[in-house]
Amino acid sequence: MASRNPNLPSRVPKTVFSKANLLADLQAVDTDPASRNRVLALETGFRQRVKSHIASLPIANALLEDLVRRGNLWVDFGVFEGSAAA
């Protein structure tokens, strides 16, 4: 059997969350206007990033040439023999 890595931290007890304590913490955030606004800003930012990411995805029936033409896909074609850059 493999031995435990000596560089790992010592074993710690499991973290147990109490539903009552969790709800009390959430209530404290909800009742404090500054905390509530901070959480709402985080949620809004996350939602905007997800929407932006989803909007940038190509549609299911997109063709590679259409994506390159519209500039939605970066493709490095490199330098080919016989091209002006060669």
PDB file of N, CA and C in Angstrom:
ATOM      1  N   MET A   1       0.842  -1.167   0.000  1.00  0.00           N
ATOM      2  CA  MET A   1       0.000   0.000   0.000  1.00  0.00           C
ATOM      3  C   MET A   1       0.895   1.241   0.000  1.00  0.00           C
ATOM      4  N   ALA A   2       0.461   2.280  -0.713  1.00  0.00           N
ATOM      5  CA  ALA A   2       1.249   3.515  -0.799  1.00  0.00           C
ATOM      6  C   ALA A   2       1.204   4.256   0.530  1.00  0.00           C
ATOM      7  N   SER A   3       2.335   4.861   0.861  1.00  0.00           N
ATOM      8  CA  SER A   3       2.384   5.634   2.111  1.00  0.00           C
ATOM      9  C   SER A   3       1.911   7.054   1.839  1.00  0.00           C
ATOM     10  N   ARG A   4       1.502   7.723   2.881  1.00  0.00           N
ATOM     11  CA  ARG A   4       0.993   9.087   2.787  1.00  0.00           C
ATOM     12  C   ARG A   4       2.149  10.043   2.541  1.00  0.00           C
ATOM     13  N   ASN A   5       1.936  11.041   1.695  1.00  0.00           N
ATOM     14  CA  ASN A   5       2.962  12.041   1.405  1.00  0.00           C
ATOM     15  C   ASN A   5       3.238  12.847   2.671  1.00  0.00           C
ATOM     16  N   PRO A   6       4.478  12.922   3.129  1.00  0.00           N
ATOM     17  CA  PRO A   6       4.788  13.648   4.362  1.00  0.00           C
ATOM     18  C   PRO A   6       4.634  15.158   4.227  1.00  0.00           C
ATOM     19  N   ASN A   7       4.561  15.670   2.997  1.00  0.00           N
ATOM     20  CA  ASN A   7       4.418  17.111   2.803  1.00  0.00           C
ATOM     21  C   ASN A   7       2.970  17.587   2.879  1.00  0.00           C
ATOM     22  N   LEU A   8       2.037  16.650   2.923  1.00  0.00           N
ATOM     23  CA  LEU A   8       0.628  17.032   3.048  1.00  0.00           C
ATOM     24  C   LEU A   8       0.329  17.468   4.475  1.00  0.00           C
ATOM     25  N   PRO A   9      -0.633  18.351   4.653  1.00  0.00           N
ATOM     26  CA  PRO A   9      -0.993  18.752   6.019  1.00  0.00           C
ATOM     27  C   PRO A   9      -1.574  17.573   6.792  1.00  0.00           C
ATOM     28  N   SER A  10      -1.505  17.659   8.104  1.00  0.00           N
ATOM     29  CA  SER A  10      -2.039  16.574   8.927  1.00  0.00           C
ATOM     30  C   SER A  10      -3.541  16.448   8.705  1.00  0.00           C
ATOM     31  N   ARG A  11      -4.053  15.319   9.041  1.00  0.00           N
ATOM     32  CA  ARG A  11      -5.486  15.082   8.838  1.00  0.00           C
ATOM     33  C   ARG A  11      -6.301  16.040   9.708  1.00  0.00           C
ATOM     34  N   VAL A  12      -7.309  16.617   9.100  1.00  0.00           N
ATOM     35  CA  VAL A  12      -8.171  17.549   9.815  1.00  0.00           C
ATOM     36  C   VAL A  12      -9.572  16.963   9.887  1.00  0.00           C
ATOM     37  N   PRO A  13     -10.322  17.317  10.901  1.00  0.00           N
ATOM     38  CA  PRO A  13     -11.683  16.777  10.989  1.00  0.00           C
ATOM     39  C   PRO A  13     -12.561  17.313   9.851  1.00  0.00           C
ATOM     40  N   LYS A  14     -13.572  16.553   9.495  1.00  0.00           N
ATOM     41  CA  LYS A  14     -14.503  16.963   8.454  1.00  0.00           C
ATOM     42  C   LYS A  14     -15.224  18.236   8.870  1.00  0.00           C
ATOM     43  N   THR A  15     -15.503  19.082   7.878  1.00  0.00           N
ATOM     44  CA  THR A  15     -16.272  20.295   8.128  1.00  0.00           C
ATOM     45  C   THR A  15     -17.746  19.937   8.048  1.00  0.00           C
ATOM     46  N   VAL A  16     -18.486  20.280   9.072  1.00  0.00           N
ATOM     47  CA  VAL A  16     -19.914  19.987   9.109  1.00  0.00           C
ATOM     48  C   VAL A  16     -20.652  21.324   9.131  1.00  0.00           C
ATOM     49  N   PHE A  17     -21.559  21.483   8.173  1.00  0.00           N
ATOM     50  CA  PHE A  17     -22.350  22.697   8.106  1.00  0.00           C
ATOM     51  C   PHE A  17     -23.695  22.466   8.759  1.00  0.00           C
ATOM     52  N   SER A  18     -24.099  23.408   9.568  1.00  0.00           N
ATOM     53  CA  SER A  18     -25.412  23.353  10.189  1.00  0.00           C
ATOM     54  C   SER A  18     -26.382  24.162   9.335  1.00  0.00           C
ATOM     55  N   LYS A  19     -27.515  23.590   9.026  1.00  0.00           N
ATOM     56  CA  LYS A  19     -28.514  24.287   8.220  1.00  0.00           C
ATOM     57  C   LYS A  19     -28.959  25.571   8.917  1.00  0.00           C
ATOM     58  N   ALA A  20     -29.139  25.522  10.218  1.00  0.00           N
ATOM     59  CA  ALA A  20     -29.569  26.703  10.972  1.00  0.00           C
ATOM     60  C   ALA A  20     -28.505  27.800  10.911  1.00  0.00           C
ATOM     61  N   ASN A  21     -27.233  27.416  11.060  1.00  0.00           N
ATOM     62  CA  ASN A  21     -26.163  28.415  10.995  1.00  0.00           C
ATOM     63  C   ASN A  21     -26.036  29.005   9.593  1.00  0.00           C
ATOM     64  N   LEU A  22     -26.183  28.163   8.587  1.00  0.00           N
ATOM     65  CA  LEU A  22     -26.102  28.629   7.215  1.00  0.00           C
ATOM     66  C   LEU A  22     -27.225  29.621   6.915  1.00  0.00           C
ATOM     67  N   LEU A  23     -28.439  29.297   7.334  1.00  0.00           N
ATOM     68  CA  LEU A  23     -29.571  30.206   7.122  1.00  0.00           C
ATOM     69  C   LEU A  23     -29.397  31.508   7.898  1.00  0.00           C
ATOM     70  N   ALA A  24     -28.815  31.436   9.090  1.00  0.00           N
ATOM     71  CA  ALA A  24     -28.552  32.646   9.875  1.00  0.00           C
ATOM     72  C   ALA A  24     -27.530  33.528   9.164  1.00  0.00           C
ATOM     73  N   ASP A  25     -26.498  32.904   8.583  1.00  0.00           N
ATOM     74  CA  ASP A  25     -25.491  33.669   7.835  1.00  0.00           C
ATOM     75  C   ASP A  25     -26.101  34.323   6.604  1.00  0.00           C
ATOM     76  N   LEU A  26     -26.957  33.591   5.903  1.00  0.00           N
ATOM     77  CA  LEU A  26     -27.622  34.159   4.730  1.00  0.00           C
ATOM     78  C   LEU A  26     -28.549  35.308   5.113  1.00  0.00           C
ATOM     79  N   GLN A  27     -29.217  35.175   6.232  1.00  0.00           N
ATOM     80  CA  GLN A  27     -30.101  36.247   6.697  1.00  0.00           C
ATOM     81  C   GLN A  27     -29.286  37.487   7.042  1.00  0.00           C
ATOM     82  N   ALA A  28     -28.101  37.297   7.621  1.00  0.00           N
ATOM     83  CA  ALA A  28     -27.241  38.440   7.953  1.00  0.00           C
ATOM     84  C   ALA A  28     -26.817  39.171   6.682  1.00  0.00           C
ATOM     85  N   VAL A  29     -26.530  38.430   5.618  1.00  0.00           N
ATOM     86  CA  VAL A  29     -26.172  39.063   4.344  1.00  0.00           C
ATOM     87  C   VAL A  29     -27.375  39.789   3.766  1.00  0.00           C
ATOM     88  N   ASP A  30     -28.543  39.158   3.815  1.00  0.00           N
ATOM     89  CA  ASP A  30     -29.751  39.760   3.246  1.00  0.00           C
ATOM     90  C   ASP A  30     -30.179  41.029   3.973  1.00  0.00           C
ATOM     91  N   THR A  31     -29.937  41.106   5.257  1.00  0.00           N
ATOM     92  CA  THR A  31     -30.387  42.272   6.023  1.00  0.00           C
ATOM     93  C   THR A  31     -29.406  43.438   5.963  1.00  0.00           C
ATOM     94  N   ASP A  32     -28.174  43.201   5.527  1.00  0.00           N
ATOM     95  CA  ASP A  32     -27.185  44.268   5.417  1.00  0.00           C
ATOM     96  C   ASP A  32     -27.177  44.777   3.977  1.00  0.00           C
ATOM     97  N   PRO A  33     -27.567  46.040   3.745  1.00  0.00           N
ATOM     98  CA  PRO A  33     -27.655  46.551   2.365  1.00  0.00           C
ATOM     99  C   PRO A  33     -26.331  46.464   1.593  1.00  0.00           C
ATOM    100  N   ALA A  34     -25.218  46.754   2.239  1.00  0.00           N
ATOM    101  CA  ALA A  34     -23.927  46.710   1.542  1.00  0.00           C
ATOM    102  C   ALA A  34     -23.596  45.278   1.118  1.00  0.00           C
ATOM    103  N   SER A  35     -23.828  44.331   2.009  1.00  0.00           N
ATOM    104  CA  SER A  35     -23.559  42.922   1.681  1.00  0.00           C
ATOM    105  C   SER A  35     -24.475  42.433   0.577  1.00  0.00           C
ATOM    106  N   ARG A  36     -25.744  42.804   0.676  1.00  0.00           N
ATOM    107  CA  ARG A  36     -26.716  42.383  -0.337  1.00  0.00           C
ATOM    108  C   ARG A  36     -26.324  42.938  -1.707  1.00  0.00           C
ATOM    109  N   ASN A  37     -25.934  44.213  -1.762  1.00  0.00           N
ATOM    110  CA  ASN A  37     -25.532  44.819  -3.034  1.00  0.00           C
ATOM    111  C   ASN A  37     -24.273  44.162  -3.598  1.00  0.00           C
ATOM    112  N   ARG A  38     -23.343  43.787  -2.736  1.00  0.00           N
ATOM    113  CA  ARG A  38     -22.125  43.120  -3.178  1.00  0.00           C
ATOM    114  C   ARG A  38     -22.457  41.755  -3.796  1.00  0.00           C
ATOM    115  N   VAL A  39     -23.346  41.008  -3.148  1.00  0.00           N
ATOM    116  CA  VAL A  39     -23.749  39.697  -3.672  1.00  0.00           C
ATOM    117  C   VAL A  39     -24.510  39.856  -4.985  1.00  0.00           C
ATOM    118  N   LEU A  40     -25.394  40.835  -5.066  1.00  0.00           N
ATOM    119  CA  LEU A  40     -26.137  41.059  -6.308  1.00  0.00           C
ATOM    120  C   LEU A  40     -25.197  41.451  -7.443  1.00  0.00           C
ATOM    121  N   ALA A  41     -24.166  42.239  -7.156  1.00  0.00           N
ATOM    122  CA  ALA A  41     -23.185  42.615  -8.179  1.00  0.00           C
ATOM    123  C   ALA A  41     -22.420  41.390  -8.659  1.00  0.00           C
ATOM    124  N   LEU A  42     -22.056  40.496  -7.743  1.00  0.00           N
ATOM    125  CA  LEU A  42     -21.376  39.260  -8.128  1.00  0.00           C
ATOM    126  C   LEU A  42     -22.266  38.398  -9.016  1.00  0.00           C
ATOM    127  N   GLU A  43     -23.535  38.266  -8.639  1.00  0.00           N
ATOM    128  CA  GLU A  43     -24.469  37.460  -9.422  1.00  0.00           C
ATOM    129  C   GLU A  43     -24.680  38.055 -10.807  1.00  0.00           C
ATOM    130  N   THR A  44     -24.817  39.379 -10.885  1.00  0.00           N
ATOM    131  CA  THR A  44     -25.024  40.045 -12.165  1.00  0.00           C
ATOM    132  C   THR A  44     -23.810  39.875 -13.062  1.00  0.00           C
ATOM    133  N   GLY A  45     -22.619  40.050 -12.511  1.00  0.00           N
ATOM    134  CA  GLY A  45     -21.393  39.871 -13.291  1.00  0.00           C
ATOM    135  C   GLY A  45     -21.259  38.464 -13.821  1.00  0.00           C
ATOM    136  N   PHE A  46     -21.566  37.480 -12.978  1.00  0.00           N
ATOM    137  CA  PHE A  46     -21.490  36.084 -13.410  1.00  0.00           C
ATOM    138  C   PHE A  46     -22.492  35.818 -14.531  1.00  0.00           C
ATOM    139  N   ARG A  47     -23.721  36.311 -14.370  1.00  0.00           N
ATOM    140  CA  ARG A  47     -24.752  36.109 -15.389  1.00  0.00           C
ATOM    141  C   ARG A  47     -24.332  36.740 -16.711  1.00  0.00           C
ATOM    142  N   GLN A  48     -23.737  37.945 -16.669  1.00  0.00           N
ATOM    143  CA  GLN A  48     -23.301  38.617 -17.890  1.00  0.00           C
ATOM    144  C   GLN A  48     -22.168  37.857 -18.576  1.00  0.00           C
ATOM    145  N   ARG A  49     -21.233  37.302 -17.789  1.00  0.00           N
ATOM    146  CA  ARG A  49     -20.135  36.530 -18.378  1.00  0.00           C
ATOM    147  C   ARG A  49     -20.664  35.263 -19.047  1.00  0.00           C
ATOM    148  N   VAL A  50     -21.625  34.604 -18.420  1.00  0.00           N
ATOM    149  CA  VAL A  50     -22.199  33.392 -19.013  1.00  0.00           C
ATOM    150  C   VAL A  50     -22.938  33.742 -20.298  1.00  0.00           C
ATOM    151  N   LYS A  51     -23.747  34.799 -20.279  1.00  0.00           N
ATOM    152  CA  LYS A  51     -24.484  35.209 -21.475  1.00  0.00           C
ATOM    153  C   LYS A  51     -23.523  35.562 -22.606  1.00  0.00           C
ATOM    154  N   SER A  52     -22.454  36.275 -22.282  1.00  0.00           N
ATOM    155  CA  SER A  52     -21.467  36.665 -23.285  1.00  0.00           C
ATOM    156  C   SER A  52     -20.790  35.436 -23.877  1.00  0.00           C
ATOM    157  N   HIS A  53     -20.447  34.487 -23.032  1.00  0.00           N
ATOM    158  CA  HIS A  53     -19.803  33.267 -23.516  1.00  0.00           C
ATOM    159  C   HIS A  53     -20.742  32.488 -24.437  1.00  0.00           C
ATOM    160  N   ILE A  54     -21.980  32.329 -24.022  1.00  0.00           N
ATOM    161  CA  ILE A  54     -22.948  31.577 -24.824  1.00  0.00           C
ATOM    162  C   ILE A  54     -23.197  32.281 -26.156  1.00  0.00           C
ATOM    163  N   ALA A  55     -23.271  33.614 -26.134  1.00  0.00           N
ATOM    164  CA  ALA A  55     -23.504  34.363 -27.371  1.00  0.00           C
ATOM    165  C   ALA A  55     -22.327  34.237 -28.333  1.00  0.00           C
ATOM    166  N   SER A  56     -21.127  33.998 -27.814  1.00  0.00           N
ATOM    167  CA  SER A  56     -19.950  33.908 -28.687  1.00  0.00           C
ATOM    168  C   SER A  56     -19.772  32.528 -29.313  1.00  0.00           C
ATOM    169  N   LEU A  57     -20.516  31.546 -28.839  1.00  0.00           N
ATOM    170  CA  LEU A  57     -20.388  30.193 -29.389  1.00  0.00           C
ATOM    171  C   LEU A  57     -21.011  30.127 -30.782  1.00  0.00           C
ATOM    172  N   PRO A  58     -20.393  29.386 -31.690  1.00  0.00           N
ATOM    173  CA  PRO A  58     -20.988  29.257 -33.025  1.00  0.00           C
ATOM    174  C   PRO A  58     -22.270  28.425 -32.949  1.00  0.00           C
ATOM    175  N   ILE A  59     -23.152  28.665 -33.904  1.00  0.00           N
ATOM    176  CA  ILE A  59     -24.392  27.894 -33.937  1.00  0.00           C
ATOM    177  C   ILE A  59     -24.068  26.473 -34.380  1.00  0.00           C
ATOM    178  N   ALA A  60     -24.957  25.559 -34.129  1.00  0.00           N
ATOM    179  CA  ALA A  60     -24.693  24.138 -34.359  1.00  0.00           C
ATOM    180  C   ALA A  60     -24.418  23.825 -35.828  1.00  0.00           C
ATOM    181  N   ASN A  61     -25.055  24.525 -36.762  1.00  0.00           N
ATOM    182  CA  ASN A  61     -24.877  24.203 -38.176  1.00  0.00           C
ATOM    183  C   ASN A  61     -23.938  25.185 -38.885  1.00  0.00           C
ATOM    184  N   ALA A  62     -23.055  25.861 -38.122  1.00  0.00           N
ATOM    185  CA  ALA A  62     -22.120  26.820 -38.713  1.00  0.00           C
ATOM    186  C   ALA A  62     -21.051  26.097 -39.533  1.00  0.00           C
ATOM    187  N   LEU A  63     -20.622  26.724 -40.592  1.00  0.00           N
ATOM    188  CA  LEU A  63     -19.551  26.186 -41.420  1.00  0.00           C
ATOM    189  C   LEU A  63     -18.258  26.912 -41.090  1.00  0.00           C
ATOM    190  N   LEU A  64     -17.146  26.227 -41.133  1.00  0.00           N
ATOM    191  CA  LEU A  64     -15.857  26.808 -40.790  1.00  0.00           C
ATOM    192  C   LEU A  64     -15.567  28.047 -41.616  1.00  0.00           C
ATOM    193  N   GLU A  65     -15.848  28.004 -42.921  1.00  0.00           N
ATOM    194  CA  GLU A  65     -15.540  29.153 -43.780  1.00  0.00           C
ATOM    195  C   GLU A  65     -16.368  30.377 -43.373  1.00  0.00           C
ATOM    196  N   ASP A  66     -17.608  30.188 -42.927  1.00  0.00           N
ATOM    197  CA  ASP A  66     -18.432  31.304 -42.473  1.00  0.00           C
ATOM    198  C   ASP A  66     -17.855  31.920 -41.203  1.00  0.00           C
ATOM    199  N   LEU A  67     -17.382  31.081 -40.284  1.00  0.00           N
ATOM    200  CA  LEU A  67     -16.820  31.580 -39.036  1.00  0.00           C
ATOM    201  C   LEU A  67     -15.550  32.379 -39.292  1.00  0.00           C
ATOM    202  N   VAL A  68     -14.691  31.904 -40.184  1.00  0.00           N
ATOM    203  CA  VAL A  68     -13.448  32.615 -40.508  1.00  0.00           C
ATOM    204  C   VAL A  68     -13.769  33.931 -41.199  1.00  0.00           C
ATOM    205  N   ARG A  69     -14.712  33.915 -42.130  1.00  0.00           N
ATOM    206  CA  ARG A  69     -15.074  35.121 -42.876  1.00  0.00           C
ATOM    207  C   ARG A  69     -15.614  36.209 -41.933  1.00  0.00           C
ATOM    208  N   ARG A  70     -16.418  35.805 -40.958  1.00  0.00           N
ATOM    209  CA  ARG A  70     -17.001  36.778 -40.027  1.00  0.00           C
ATOM    210  C   ARG A  70     -16.029  37.180 -38.933  1.00  0.00           C
ATOM    211  N   GLY A  71     -14.926  36.482 -38.814  1.00  0.00           N
ATOM    212  CA  GLY A  71     -13.940  36.835 -37.804  1.00  0.00           C
ATOM    213  C   GLY A  71     -14.252  36.263 -36.436  1.00  0.00           C
ATOM    214  N   ASN A  72     -15.163  35.290 -36.347  1.00  0.00           N
ATOM    215  CA  ASN A  72     -15.508  34.690 -35.061  1.00  0.00           C
ATOM    216  C   ASN A  72     -14.589  33.541 -34.687  1.00  0.00           C
ATOM    217  N   LEU A  73     -13.704  33.162 -35.596  1.00  0.00           N
ATOM    218  CA  LEU A  73     -12.815  32.040 -35.327  1.00  0.00           C
ATOM    219  C   LEU A  73     -11.424  32.439 -35.782  1.00  0.00           C
ATOM    220  N   TRP A  74     -10.464  32.314 -34.884  1.00  0.00           N
ATOM    221  CA  TRP A  74      -9.094  32.651 -35.236  1.00  0.00           C
ATOM    222  C   TRP A  74      -8.414  31.408 -35.748  1.00  0.00           C
ATOM    223  N   VAL A  75      -7.915  31.480 -36.944  1.00  0.00           N
ATOM    224  CA  VAL A  75      -7.225  30.346 -37.543  1.00  0.00           C
ATOM    225  C   VAL A  75      -5.886  30.844 -38.053  1.00  0.00           C
ATOM    226  N   ASP A  76      -4.807  30.167 -37.668  1.00  0.00           N
ATOM    227  CA  ASP A  76      -3.484  30.512 -38.146  1.00  0.00           C
ATOM    228  C   ASP A  76      -3.160  29.589 -39.312  1.00  0.00           C
ATOM    229  N   PHE A  77      -3.262  30.112 -40.524  1.00  0.00           N
ATOM    230  CA  PHE A  77      -2.980  29.304 -41.698  1.00  0.00           C
ATOM    231  C   PHE A  77      -1.489  29.221 -41.978  1.00  0.00           C
ATOM    232  N   GLY A  78      -0.699  30.048 -41.303  1.00  0.00           N
ATOM    233  CA  GLY A  78       0.747  30.003 -41.475  1.00  0.00           C
ATOM    234  C   GLY A  78       1.164  30.526 -42.839  1.00  0.00           C
ATOM    235  N   VAL A  79       2.401  30.278 -43.186  1.00  0.00           N
ATOM    236  CA  VAL A  79       2.946  30.707 -44.469  1.00  0.00           C
ATOM    237  C   VAL A  79       3.083  29.470 -45.348  1.00  0.00           C
ATOM    238  N   PHE A  80       2.502  29.544 -46.517  1.00  0.00           N
ATOM    239  CA  PHE A  80       2.525  28.405 -47.428  1.00  0.00           C
ATOM    240  C   PHE A  80       3.546  28.663 -48.533  1.00  0.00           C
ATOM    241  N   GLU A  81       4.115  27.609 -49.009  1.00  0.00           N
ATOM    242  CA  GLU A  81       5.081  27.688 -50.101  1.00  0.00           C
ATOM    243  C   GLU A  81       4.397  28.307 -51.331  1.00  0.00           C
ATOM    244  N   GLY A  82       5.046  29.286 -51.909  1.00  0.00           N
ATOM    245  CA  GLY A  82       4.484  29.937 -53.069  1.00  0.00           C
ATOM    246  C   GLY A  82       3.619  31.133 -52.736  1.00  0.00           C
ATOM    247  N   SER A  83       3.393  31.426 -51.443  1.00  0.00           N
ATOM    248  CA  SER A  83       2.592  32.590 -51.085  1.00  0.00           C
ATOM    249  C   SER A  83       3.487  33.826 -51.117  1.00  0.00           C
ATOM    250  N   ALA A  84       2.893  34.987 -51.074  1.00  0.00           N
ATOM    251  CA  ALA A  84       3.633  36.252 -51.146  1.00  0.00           C
ATOM    252  C   ALA A  84       4.570  36.403 -49.964  1.00  0.00           C
ATOM    253  N   ALA A  85       4.203  35.849 -48.807  1.00  0.00           N
ATOM    254  CA  ALA A  85       5.016  35.994 -47.593  1.00  0.00           C
ATOM    255  C   ALA A  85       6.186  35.027 -47.568  1.00  0.00           C
ATOM    256  N   ALA A  86       6.193  34.009 -48.431  1.00  0.00           N
ATOM    257  CA  ALA A  86       7.244  32.989 -48.379  1.00  0.00           C
ATOM    258  C   ALA A  86       8.545  33.468 -48.964  1.00  0.00           C
TER     259      ALA A  86
END
